[in-house]
Amino acid sequence: MHTPLAIMPFGIGLTELLVILIIVLIIFGAGKLPEIGSGLGKAIRNFKDATSSSSGGSQVERNKIAETTQNTHKESENRQGE
């Protein structure tokens, strides 16, 4: 029975990962790997920023809606009191 040392994402084992990395090295060459890694890192960072700002943006929108609703209620109460 084989016990994995670490759980790899997507069920990829260490051997498969090494084969993929060697193929990528052969196709792109050693000079392009830092550029590809940098681009991939930026893409992941931009995705994280976009998802976190969209969830924060919805909170801002909810606050604006609540504030507008409160102002509308205050205005209607002022008109009824006149």
Foldseek 3Di string as FASTA:
>chain_A
DDDDPDQDPPRDDPVNVVVVVVVCCVVPNPVCVVVVVVVVVVVVVVVVVVVVVVVVVVVVVVVVVVVVVVVVVVVVVVVVVD
